[in-house]
Amino acid sequence: ISMANAADGALREMSNMLVRMRELAIQSLNYTNGQSERSTLQEEFSALVSEVDRIAKTAEFNGTKLLNTAASKNIHVGKGTTSDDKIRLSTVDVDASTLALSSNTVSTAAKASTAIAALDSALNTINTKRGTFGAIVNRLQTTIQSLGDQINSTTAAESQIRDLDVADESAKFSRN
């Protein structure tokens, strides 16, 4: 669960940055802005692109990169060795280049308009990935609960059997 939560947390921060970048692009669309204002907007926009990229490259859990390479990991969740005893967790590739953010700017109104389309697409991608990690967290929590119920049921059954054995032996002992 912690691995999926770590990925989701990083994606949440990336989503927040993408929303801010979209706000900057919308501000840049305003034709009352001069080059000086757009330069300031571009400076923050560029810093956010760099931060999205940095988070994607550094997000990891126990040495496993979570957001800059697409790979699958099996999480063993059952008592057996079949595919039903595993849940597949896939890492994702969502760096600035993959999200098509690297080449976007807000230095002109026309470029800001193009950036908005790219940001909308990136936000959709991030939200989809967050949904996937959320579903995995829910599956893992359900599995933990189910396995706990199985352990409790097995322990209760074993206890009842032991109690019956003790009662049977006590009855035999008292007859002799």
N, C-alpha and C. Protein backbone atom coordinates (compact mmCIF):
# COMPACT_ATOMS: atom_id res chain seq x y z
N ILE A 1 0.83 -1.18 0.00
CA ILE A 1 0.00 0.00 0.00
C ILE A 1 0.88 1.25 0.00
N SER A 2 1.96 1.21 0.74
CA SER A 2 2.82 2.37 0.84
C SER A 2 3.43 2.76 -0.49
N MET A 3 3.77 1.77 -1.31
CA MET A 3 4.35 2.06 -2.62
C MET A 3 3.35 2.82 -3.49
N ALA A 4 2.12 2.33 -3.54
CA ALA A 4 1.08 2.99 -4.33
C ALA A 4 0.76 4.37 -3.77
N ASN A 5 0.75 4.49 -2.45
CA ASN A 5 0.50 5.79 -1.83
C ASN A 5 1.62 6.78 -2.14
N ALA A 6 2.86 6.30 -2.17
CA ALA A 6 3.99 7.18 -2.50
C ALA A 6 3.85 7.70 -3.93
N ALA A 7 3.48 6.82 -4.84
CA ALA A 7 3.30 7.23 -6.24
C ALA A 7 2.14 8.22 -6.35
N ASP A 8 1.04 7.93 -5.67
CA ASP A 8 -0.11 8.81 -5.72
C ASP A 8 0.21 10.19 -5.14
N GLY A 9 0.96 10.22 -4.07
CA GLY A 9 1.34 11.50 -3.46
C GLY A 9 2.17 12.35 -4.40
N ALA A 10 3.11 11.73 -5.08
CA ALA A 10 3.94 12.46 -6.05
C ALA A 10 3.08 12.94 -7.22
N LEU A 11 2.18 12.09 -7.68
CA LEU A 11 1.29 12.49 -8.78
C LEU A 11 0.37 13.62 -8.36
N ARG A 12 -0.06 13.62 -7.10
CA ARG A 12 -0.91 14.70 -6.60
C ARG A 12 -0.17 16.03 -6.68
N GLU A 13 1.09 16.03 -6.26
CA GLU A 13 1.87 17.26 -6.33
C GLU A 13 2.09 17.70 -7.78
N MET A 14 2.33 16.73 -8.65
CA MET A 14 2.49 17.07 -10.07
C MET A 14 1.19 17.67 -10.61
N SER A 15 0.07 17.12 -10.21
CA SER A 15 -1.22 17.64 -10.64
C SER A 15 -1.40 19.08 -10.18
N ASN A 16 -1.05 19.36 -8.94
CA ASN A 16 -1.14 20.73 -8.41
C ASN A 16 -0.28 21.69 -9.24
N MET A 17 0.91 21.24 -9.60
CA MET A 17 1.79 22.09 -10.41
C MET A 17 1.22 22.31 -11.81
N LEU A 18 0.64 21.28 -12.39
CA LEU A 18 0.04 21.42 -13.72
C LEU A 18 -1.13 22.40 -13.69
N VAL A 19 -1.90 22.37 -12.63
CA VAL A 19 -3.00 23.33 -12.49
C VAL A 19 -2.44 24.75 -12.42
N ARG A 20 -1.38 24.94 -11.66
CA ARG A 20 -0.76 26.27 -11.58
C ARG A 20 -0.20 26.68 -12.94
N MET A 21 0.41 25.76 -13.65
CA MET A 21 0.94 26.08 -14.98
C MET A 21 -0.19 26.49 -15.92
N ARG A 22 -1.32 25.84 -15.80
CA ARG A 22 -2.48 26.19 -16.63
C ARG A 22 -2.96 27.60 -16.29
N GLU A 23 -2.97 27.93 -15.01
CA GLU A 23 -3.35 29.29 -14.59
C GLU A 23 -2.40 30.32 -15.20
N LEU A 24 -1.11 30.02 -15.19
CA LEU A 24 -0.13 30.93 -15.79
C LEU A 24 -0.36 31.10 -17.29
N ALA A 25 -0.68 30.00 -17.96
CA ALA A 25 -0.94 30.07 -19.40
C ALA A 25 -2.18 30.92 -19.68
N ILE A 26 -3.20 30.77 -18.86
CA ILE A 26 -4.41 31.57 -19.04
C ILE A 26 -4.11 33.05 -18.80
N GLN A 27 -3.29 33.33 -17.79
CA GLN A 27 -2.90 34.72 -17.55
C GLN A 27 -2.13 35.29 -18.74
N SER A 28 -1.31 34.46 -19.35
CA SER A 28 -0.52 34.91 -20.49
C SER A 28 -1.39 35.20 -21.71
N LEU A 29 -2.56 34.56 -21.79
CA LEU A 29 -3.48 34.82 -22.89
C LEU A 29 -4.02 36.25 -22.88
N ASN A 30 -3.99 36.88 -21.72
CA ASN A 30 -4.51 38.23 -21.59
C ASN A 30 -3.65 39.20 -22.42
N TYR A 31 -4.28 39.83 -23.38
CA TYR A 31 -3.53 40.71 -24.29
C TYR A 31 -3.10 42.02 -23.65
N THR A 32 -3.50 42.26 -22.42
CA THR A 32 -3.02 43.47 -21.74
C THR A 32 -1.63 43.27 -21.15
N ASN A 33 -1.17 42.01 -21.14
CA ASN A 33 0.18 41.72 -20.64
C ASN A 33 1.22 42.17 -21.66
N GLY A 34 2.26 42.78 -21.15
CA GLY A 34 3.40 43.13 -22.00
C GLY A 34 4.45 42.04 -21.93
N GLN A 35 5.53 42.24 -22.62
CA GLN A 35 6.60 41.25 -22.64
C GLN A 35 7.21 41.03 -21.26
N SER A 36 7.29 42.09 -20.47
CA SER A 36 7.84 41.97 -19.12
C SER A 36 6.99 41.04 -18.26
N GLU A 37 5.66 41.21 -18.33
CA GLU A 37 4.76 40.35 -17.54
C GLU A 37 4.83 38.90 -18.03
N ARG A 38 4.87 38.75 -19.33
CA ARG A 38 4.95 37.39 -19.88
C ARG A 38 6.28 36.72 -19.52
N SER A 39 7.34 37.50 -19.45
CA SER A 39 8.64 36.94 -19.05
C SER A 39 8.57 36.42 -17.62
N THR A 40 7.89 37.17 -16.76
CA THR A 40 7.73 36.73 -15.37
C THR A 40 6.89 35.46 -15.31
N LEU A 41 5.80 35.42 -16.09
CA LEU A 41 4.97 34.21 -16.15
C LEU A 41 5.78 33.03 -16.67
N GLN A 42 6.60 33.28 -17.69
CA GLN A 42 7.40 32.21 -18.28
C GLN A 42 8.44 31.68 -17.29
N GLU A 43 8.98 32.56 -16.49
CA GLU A 43 9.98 32.14 -15.50
C GLU A 43 9.37 31.13 -14.52
N GLU A 44 8.18 31.43 -14.01
CA GLU A 44 7.52 30.50 -13.09
C GLU A 44 7.11 29.23 -13.83
N PHE A 45 6.60 29.37 -15.05
CA PHE A 45 6.18 28.22 -15.84
C PHE A 45 7.36 27.27 -16.05
N SER A 46 8.50 27.82 -16.43
CA SER A 46 9.69 26.99 -16.66
C SER A 46 10.15 26.29 -15.39
N ALA A 47 10.09 27.01 -14.27
CA ALA A 47 10.48 26.41 -13.00
C ALA A 47 9.55 25.24 -12.66
N LEU A 48 8.27 25.38 -12.94
CA LEU A 48 7.32 24.31 -12.65
C LEU A 48 7.55 23.10 -13.57
N VAL A 49 7.87 23.35 -14.83
CA VAL A 49 8.20 22.24 -15.74
C VAL A 49 9.40 21.47 -15.19
N SER A 50 10.41 22.20 -14.74
CA SER A 50 11.59 21.55 -14.16
C SER A 50 11.25 20.75 -12.92
N GLU A 51 10.34 21.27 -12.11
CA GLU A 51 9.96 20.57 -10.88
C GLU A 51 9.14 19.32 -11.18
N VAL A 52 8.26 19.38 -12.17
CA VAL A 52 7.52 18.19 -12.59
C VAL A 52 8.52 17.11 -13.01
N ASP A 53 9.50 17.50 -13.78
CA ASP A 53 10.52 16.56 -14.25
C ASP A 53 11.33 16.00 -13.08
N ARG A 54 11.70 16.87 -12.14
CA ARG A 54 12.49 16.43 -10.99
C ARG A 54 11.71 15.42 -10.15
N ILE A 55 10.43 15.69 -9.90
CA ILE A 55 9.61 14.78 -9.10
C ILE A 55 9.51 13.43 -9.81
N ALA A 56 9.27 13.46 -11.12
CA ALA A 56 9.16 12.21 -11.87
C ALA A 56 10.44 11.39 -11.78
N LYS A 57 11.57 12.06 -11.81
CA LYS A 57 12.85 11.35 -11.79
C LYS A 57 13.26 10.87 -10.41
N THR A 58 12.76 11.51 -9.36
CA THR A 58 13.23 11.17 -8.01
C THR A 58 12.22 10.38 -7.18
N ALA A 59 10.97 10.31 -7.61
CA ALA A 59 9.97 9.57 -6.83
C ALA A 59 10.31 8.08 -6.85
N GLU A 60 10.52 7.53 -5.68
CA GLU A 60 10.85 6.11 -5.59
C GLU A 60 10.36 5.55 -4.27
N PHE A 61 10.31 4.24 -4.21
CA PHE A 61 9.94 3.53 -2.99
C PHE A 61 10.86 2.33 -2.88
N ASN A 62 11.64 2.28 -1.82
CA ASN A 62 12.60 1.19 -1.60
C ASN A 62 13.47 0.93 -2.83
N GLY A 63 13.92 2.01 -3.45
CA GLY A 63 14.81 1.89 -4.60
C GLY A 63 14.11 1.67 -5.93
N THR A 64 12.80 1.52 -5.93
CA THR A 64 12.05 1.34 -7.18
C THR A 64 11.55 2.69 -7.66
N LYS A 65 11.98 3.09 -8.85
CA LYS A 65 11.50 4.33 -9.45
C LYS A 65 10.02 4.18 -9.77
N LEU A 66 9.24 5.19 -9.45
CA LEU A 66 7.80 5.09 -9.59
C LEU A 66 7.24 5.85 -10.79
N LEU A 67 7.88 6.96 -11.17
CA LEU A 67 7.24 7.84 -12.15
C LEU A 67 8.08 8.17 -13.38
N ASN A 68 9.22 7.55 -13.56
CA ASN A 68 9.97 7.87 -14.78
C ASN A 68 10.34 6.64 -15.59
N THR A 69 9.69 5.55 -15.30
CA THR A 69 9.88 4.34 -16.10
C THR A 69 8.64 3.47 -15.96
N ALA A 70 8.19 2.95 -17.07
CA ALA A 70 7.02 2.08 -17.03
C ALA A 70 7.48 0.64 -16.83
N ALA A 71 7.10 0.06 -15.72
CA ALA A 71 7.47 -1.31 -15.40
C ALA A 71 6.37 -1.91 -14.52
N SER A 72 6.35 -3.20 -14.42
CA SER A 72 5.35 -3.87 -13.58
C SER A 72 6.02 -4.64 -12.46
N LYS A 73 5.39 -4.60 -11.32
CA LYS A 73 5.86 -5.35 -10.14
C LYS A 73 4.69 -6.18 -9.63
N ASN A 74 4.97 -7.41 -9.27
CA ASN A 74 3.95 -8.25 -8.66
C ASN A 74 4.04 -8.11 -7.15
N ILE A 75 2.91 -7.86 -6.52
CA ILE A 75 2.84 -7.81 -5.06
C ILE A 75 2.14 -9.10 -4.62
N HIS A 76 2.88 -9.91 -3.86
CA HIS A 76 2.34 -11.19 -3.41
C HIS A 76 1.38 -10.92 -2.25
N VAL A 77 0.12 -11.34 -2.41
CA VAL A 77 -0.89 -11.02 -1.40
C VAL A 77 -1.63 -12.23 -0.86
N GLY A 78 -1.37 -13.39 -1.39
CA GLY A 78 -2.12 -14.57 -0.95
C GLY A 78 -1.24 -15.61 -0.30
N LYS A 79 -1.87 -16.71 0.06
CA LYS A 79 -1.14 -17.78 0.73
C LYS A 79 -0.53 -18.76 -0.26
N GLY A 80 -0.94 -18.69 -1.52
CA GLY A 80 -0.44 -19.61 -2.53
C GLY A 80 0.56 -18.97 -3.48
N THR A 81 0.75 -19.65 -4.60
CA THR A 81 1.72 -19.15 -5.58
C THR A 81 1.10 -18.93 -6.96
N THR A 82 -0.22 -18.93 -7.02
CA THR A 82 -0.88 -18.75 -8.31
C THR A 82 -0.98 -17.26 -8.65
N SER A 83 -1.43 -16.98 -9.86
CA SER A 83 -1.59 -15.59 -10.27
C SER A 83 -2.69 -14.90 -9.45
N ASP A 84 -3.60 -15.67 -8.88
CA ASP A 84 -4.63 -15.09 -8.02
C ASP A 84 -4.07 -14.58 -6.69
N ASP A 85 -2.86 -14.97 -6.37
CA ASP A 85 -2.22 -14.55 -5.12
C ASP A 85 -1.30 -13.35 -5.32
N LYS A 86 -1.43 -12.70 -6.47
CA LYS A 86 -0.58 -11.55 -6.78
C LYS A 86 -1.43 -10.41 -7.34
N ILE A 87 -1.02 -9.20 -7.01
CA ILE A 87 -1.62 -8.00 -7.60
C ILE A 87 -0.50 -7.27 -8.31
N ARG A 88 -0.74 -6.93 -9.57
CA ARG A 88 0.27 -6.27 -10.38
C ARG A 88 0.20 -4.76 -10.19
N LEU A 89 1.33 -4.17 -9.82
CA LEU A 89 1.46 -2.73 -9.70
C LEU A 89 2.39 -2.25 -10.80
N SER A 90 1.91 -1.36 -11.62
CA SER A 90 2.72 -0.86 -12.72
C SER A 90 3.16 0.57 -12.43
N THR A 91 4.46 0.79 -12.55
CA THR A 91 4.97 2.15 -12.43
C THR A 91 4.69 2.86 -13.76
N VAL A 92 4.83 4.15 -13.78
CA VAL A 92 4.46 4.93 -14.96
C VAL A 92 5.59 5.87 -15.36
N ASP A 93 5.51 6.33 -16.58
CA ASP A 93 6.50 7.29 -17.09
C ASP A 93 5.77 8.61 -17.33
N VAL A 94 5.94 9.56 -16.43
CA VAL A 94 5.25 10.83 -16.53
C VAL A 94 6.19 12.01 -16.31
N ASP A 95 7.36 11.96 -16.93
CA ASP A 95 8.25 13.12 -16.82
C ASP A 95 7.77 14.21 -17.78
N ALA A 96 8.42 15.36 -17.73
CA ALA A 96 7.98 16.51 -18.52
C ALA A 96 7.97 16.22 -20.01
N SER A 97 8.92 15.44 -20.47
CA SER A 97 8.98 15.10 -21.89
C SER A 97 7.82 14.20 -22.29
N THR A 98 7.55 13.17 -21.51
CA THR A 98 6.45 12.25 -21.79
C THR A 98 5.10 12.97 -21.77
N LEU A 99 4.98 13.94 -20.88
CA LEU A 99 3.73 14.71 -20.78
C LEU A 99 3.66 15.84 -21.82
N ALA A 100 4.66 15.94 -22.66
CA ALA A 100 4.73 16.97 -23.72
C ALA A 100 4.72 18.38 -23.15
N LEU A 101 5.45 18.57 -22.04
CA LEU A 101 5.52 19.89 -21.42
C LEU A 101 6.81 20.63 -21.74
N SER A 102 7.85 19.90 -22.05
CA SER A 102 9.18 20.48 -22.19
C SER A 102 9.24 21.59 -23.24
N SER A 103 8.52 21.44 -24.32
CA SER A 103 8.62 22.41 -25.41
C SER A 103 7.60 23.54 -25.32
N ASN A 104 6.74 23.51 -24.31
CA ASN A 104 5.71 24.55 -24.19
C ASN A 104 6.21 25.77 -23.45
N THR A 105 5.71 26.92 -23.87
CA THR A 105 6.03 28.18 -23.19
C THR A 105 4.76 29.01 -23.09
N VAL A 106 4.84 30.06 -22.29
CA VAL A 106 3.76 31.02 -22.19
C VAL A 106 4.28 32.42 -22.53
N SER A 107 5.30 32.47 -23.37
CA SER A 107 5.96 33.74 -23.71
C SER A 107 5.13 34.59 -24.66
N THR A 108 4.16 33.99 -25.34
CA THR A 108 3.23 34.75 -26.19
C THR A 108 1.83 34.17 -25.97
N ALA A 109 0.83 34.91 -26.38
CA ALA A 109 -0.55 34.43 -26.23
C ALA A 109 -0.77 33.17 -27.06
N ALA A 110 -0.23 33.12 -28.26
CA ALA A 110 -0.41 31.95 -29.12
C ALA A 110 0.24 30.71 -28.51
N LYS A 111 1.45 30.89 -27.98
CA LYS A 111 2.13 29.75 -27.34
C LYS A 111 1.42 29.32 -26.07
N ALA A 112 0.86 30.28 -25.35
CA ALA A 112 0.11 29.96 -24.14
C ALA A 112 -1.12 29.13 -24.48
N SER A 113 -1.77 29.45 -25.58
CA SER A 113 -2.94 28.69 -26.03
C SER A 113 -2.56 27.24 -26.33
N THR A 114 -1.43 27.04 -26.99
CA THR A 114 -0.93 25.70 -27.28
C THR A 114 -0.59 24.97 -25.98
N ALA A 115 0.02 25.71 -25.04
CA ALA A 115 0.39 25.11 -23.75
C ALA A 115 -0.83 24.64 -22.99
N ILE A 116 -1.94 25.37 -23.07
CA ILE A 116 -3.16 24.98 -22.36
C ILE A 116 -3.64 23.61 -22.84
N ALA A 117 -3.62 23.40 -24.15
CA ALA A 117 -4.04 22.10 -24.69
C ALA A 117 -3.13 20.99 -24.18
N ALA A 118 -1.81 21.24 -24.16
CA ALA A 118 -0.85 20.24 -23.67
C ALA A 118 -1.06 19.99 -22.18
N LEU A 119 -1.33 21.04 -21.43
CA LEU A 119 -1.55 20.90 -19.99
C LEU A 119 -2.83 20.13 -19.69
N ASP A 120 -3.88 20.38 -20.46
CA ASP A 120 -5.12 19.63 -20.28
C ASP A 120 -4.89 18.14 -20.52
N SER A 121 -4.12 17.83 -21.54
CA SER A 121 -3.79 16.43 -21.83
C SER A 121 -2.95 15.83 -20.70
N ALA A 122 -1.96 16.59 -20.21
CA ALA A 122 -1.11 16.11 -19.12
C ALA A 122 -1.92 15.89 -17.85
N LEU A 123 -2.84 16.79 -17.55
CA LEU A 123 -3.69 16.63 -16.37
C LEU A 123 -4.56 15.38 -16.51
N ASN A 124 -5.07 15.14 -17.69
CA ASN A 124 -5.87 13.93 -17.92
C ASN A 124 -5.03 12.67 -17.68
N THR A 125 -3.81 12.68 -18.19
CA THR A 125 -2.89 11.55 -17.99
C THR A 125 -2.61 11.33 -16.50
N ILE A 126 -2.26 12.39 -15.80
CA ILE A 126 -1.94 12.30 -14.37
C ILE A 126 -3.16 11.80 -13.59
N ASN A 127 -4.33 12.34 -13.88
CA ASN A 127 -5.54 11.92 -13.16
C ASN A 127 -5.87 10.45 -13.42
N THR A 128 -5.65 10.00 -14.64
CA THR A 128 -5.86 8.58 -14.95
C THR A 128 -4.91 7.71 -14.16
N LYS A 129 -3.64 8.09 -14.11
CA LYS A 129 -2.65 7.33 -13.35
C LYS A 129 -2.98 7.33 -11.86
N ARG A 130 -3.44 8.48 -11.34
CA ARG A 130 -3.82 8.53 -9.93
C ARG A 130 -4.99 7.59 -9.65
N GLY A 131 -5.93 7.53 -10.57
CA GLY A 131 -7.06 6.60 -10.42
C GLY A 131 -6.60 5.16 -10.38
N THR A 132 -5.61 4.84 -11.22
CA THR A 132 -5.07 3.48 -11.25
C THR A 132 -4.40 3.14 -9.92
N PHE A 133 -3.58 4.05 -9.40
CA PHE A 133 -2.94 3.79 -8.11
C PHE A 133 -3.97 3.71 -6.99
N GLY A 134 -4.99 4.55 -7.04
CA GLY A 134 -6.06 4.50 -6.04
C GLY A 134 -6.79 3.17 -6.04
N ALA A 135 -7.03 2.64 -7.24
CA ALA A 135 -7.69 1.34 -7.36
C ALA A 135 -6.82 0.23 -6.76
N ILE A 136 -5.52 0.32 -6.98
CA ILE A 136 -4.61 -0.68 -6.41
C ILE A 136 -4.61 -0.59 -4.89
N VAL A 137 -4.59 0.63 -4.35
CA VAL A 137 -4.65 0.79 -2.89
C VAL A 137 -5.93 0.16 -2.35
N ASN A 138 -7.05 0.40 -3.00
CA ASN A 138 -8.31 -0.19 -2.56
C ASN A 138 -8.27 -1.71 -2.61
N ARG A 139 -7.71 -2.26 -3.70
CA ARG A 139 -7.60 -3.72 -3.81
C ARG A 139 -6.73 -4.28 -2.68
N LEU A 140 -5.62 -3.62 -2.41
CA LEU A 140 -4.72 -4.10 -1.35
C LEU A 140 -5.39 -4.02 0.02
N GLN A 141 -6.11 -2.95 0.28
CA GLN A 141 -6.81 -2.83 1.56
C GLN A 141 -7.88 -3.91 1.71
N THR A 142 -8.60 -4.17 0.63
CA THR A 142 -9.61 -5.23 0.66
C THR A 142 -8.96 -6.59 0.88
N THR A 143 -7.83 -6.81 0.22
CA THR A 143 -7.11 -8.08 0.37
C THR A 143 -6.62 -8.25 1.80
N ILE A 144 -6.09 -7.19 2.38
CA ILE A 144 -5.62 -7.26 3.77
C ILE A 144 -6.78 -7.63 4.70
N GLN A 145 -7.93 -6.99 4.49
CA GLN A 145 -9.11 -7.29 5.32
C GLN A 145 -9.55 -8.74 5.13
N SER A 146 -9.57 -9.19 3.88
CA SER A 146 -9.99 -10.56 3.59
C SER A 146 -9.04 -11.58 4.20
N LEU A 147 -7.75 -11.35 4.07
CA LEU A 147 -6.77 -12.26 4.66
C LEU A 147 -6.87 -12.27 6.18
N GLY A 148 -7.11 -11.10 6.77
CA GLY A 148 -7.30 -11.03 8.22
C GLY A 148 -8.52 -11.83 8.66
N ASP A 149 -9.60 -11.73 7.89
CA ASP A 149 -10.80 -12.52 8.21
C ASP A 149 -10.53 -14.01 8.11
N GLN A 150 -9.77 -14.42 7.08
CA GLN A 150 -9.42 -15.83 6.92
C GLN A 150 -8.59 -16.32 8.10
N ILE A 151 -7.64 -15.51 8.53
CA ILE A 151 -6.79 -15.89 9.67
C ILE A 151 -7.65 -16.03 10.93
N ASN A 152 -8.53 -15.08 11.15
CA ASN A 152 -9.40 -15.15 12.34
C ASN A 152 -10.29 -16.38 12.30
N SER A 153 -10.86 -16.68 11.14
CA SER A 153 -11.72 -17.86 11.01
C SER A 153 -10.94 -19.14 11.24
N THR A 154 -9.75 -19.24 10.67
CA THR A 154 -8.92 -20.42 10.84
C THR A 154 -8.50 -20.59 12.30
N THR A 155 -8.12 -19.51 12.93
CA THR A 155 -7.72 -19.55 14.33
C THR A 155 -8.89 -19.96 15.22
N ALA A 156 -10.07 -19.43 14.94
CA ALA A 156 -11.26 -19.79 15.73
C ALA A 156 -11.59 -21.27 15.54
N ALA A 157 -11.51 -21.77 14.31
CA ALA A 157 -11.80 -23.18 14.05
C ALA A 157 -10.79 -24.08 14.77
N GLU A 158 -9.53 -23.70 14.71
CA GLU A 158 -8.48 -24.48 15.39
C GLU A 158 -8.73 -24.50 16.90
N SER A 159 -9.11 -23.37 17.43
CA SER A 159 -9.39 -23.28 18.87
C SER A 159 -10.56 -24.18 19.26
N GLN A 160 -11.60 -24.19 18.43
CA GLN A 160 -12.76 -25.05 18.72
C GLN A 160 -12.37 -26.52 18.67
N ILE A 161 -11.54 -26.89 17.71
CA ILE A 161 -11.08 -28.28 17.61
C ILE A 161 -10.27 -28.66 18.84
N ARG A 162 -9.37 -27.80 19.26
CA ARG A 162 -8.56 -28.07 20.45
C ARG A 162 -9.44 -28.19 21.70
N ASP A 163 -10.44 -27.29 21.78
CA ASP A 163 -11.35 -27.35 22.93
C ASP A 163 -12.11 -28.67 22.94
N LEU A 164 -12.55 -29.14 21.78
CA LEU A 164 -13.26 -30.41 21.70
C LEU A 164 -12.35 -31.57 22.08
N ASP A 165 -11.09 -31.51 21.63
CA ASP A 165 -10.14 -32.56 21.97
C ASP A 165 -9.90 -32.61 23.48
N VAL A 166 -9.77 -31.46 24.11
CA VAL A 166 -9.54 -31.41 25.56
C VAL A 166 -10.77 -31.96 26.29
N ALA A 167 -11.94 -31.58 25.83
CA ALA A 167 -13.18 -32.07 26.47
C ALA A 167 -13.30 -33.59 26.32
N ASP A 168 -12.98 -34.09 25.12
CA ASP A 168 -13.06 -35.53 24.87
C ASP A 168 -12.06 -36.28 25.74
N GLU A 169 -10.84 -35.78 25.82
CA GLU A 169 -9.81 -36.42 26.64
C GLU A 169 -10.17 -36.36 28.13
N SER A 170 -10.74 -35.26 28.55
CA SER A 170 -11.15 -35.14 29.97
C SER A 170 -12.24 -36.15 30.29
N ALA A 171 -13.18 -36.34 29.37
CA ALA A 171 -14.28 -37.30 29.58
C ALA A 171 -13.71 -38.72 29.65
N LYS A 172 -12.77 -39.05 28.75
CA LYS A 172 -12.15 -40.38 28.75
C LYS A 172 -11.38 -40.58 30.05
N PHE A 173 -10.67 -39.57 30.50
CA PHE A 173 -9.86 -39.67 31.70
C PHE A 173 -10.74 -39.90 32.95
N SER A 174 -11.86 -39.21 32.98
CA SER A 174 -12.72 -39.35 34.16
C SER A 174 -13.42 -40.72 34.20
N ARG A 175 -13.60 -41.36 33.06
CA ARG A 175 -14.21 -42.68 33.03
C ARG A 175 -13.25 -43.73 33.56
N ASN A 176 -12.01 -43.52 33.40
CA ASN A 176 -11.01 -44.52 33.84
C ASN A 176 -10.72 -44.29 35.26
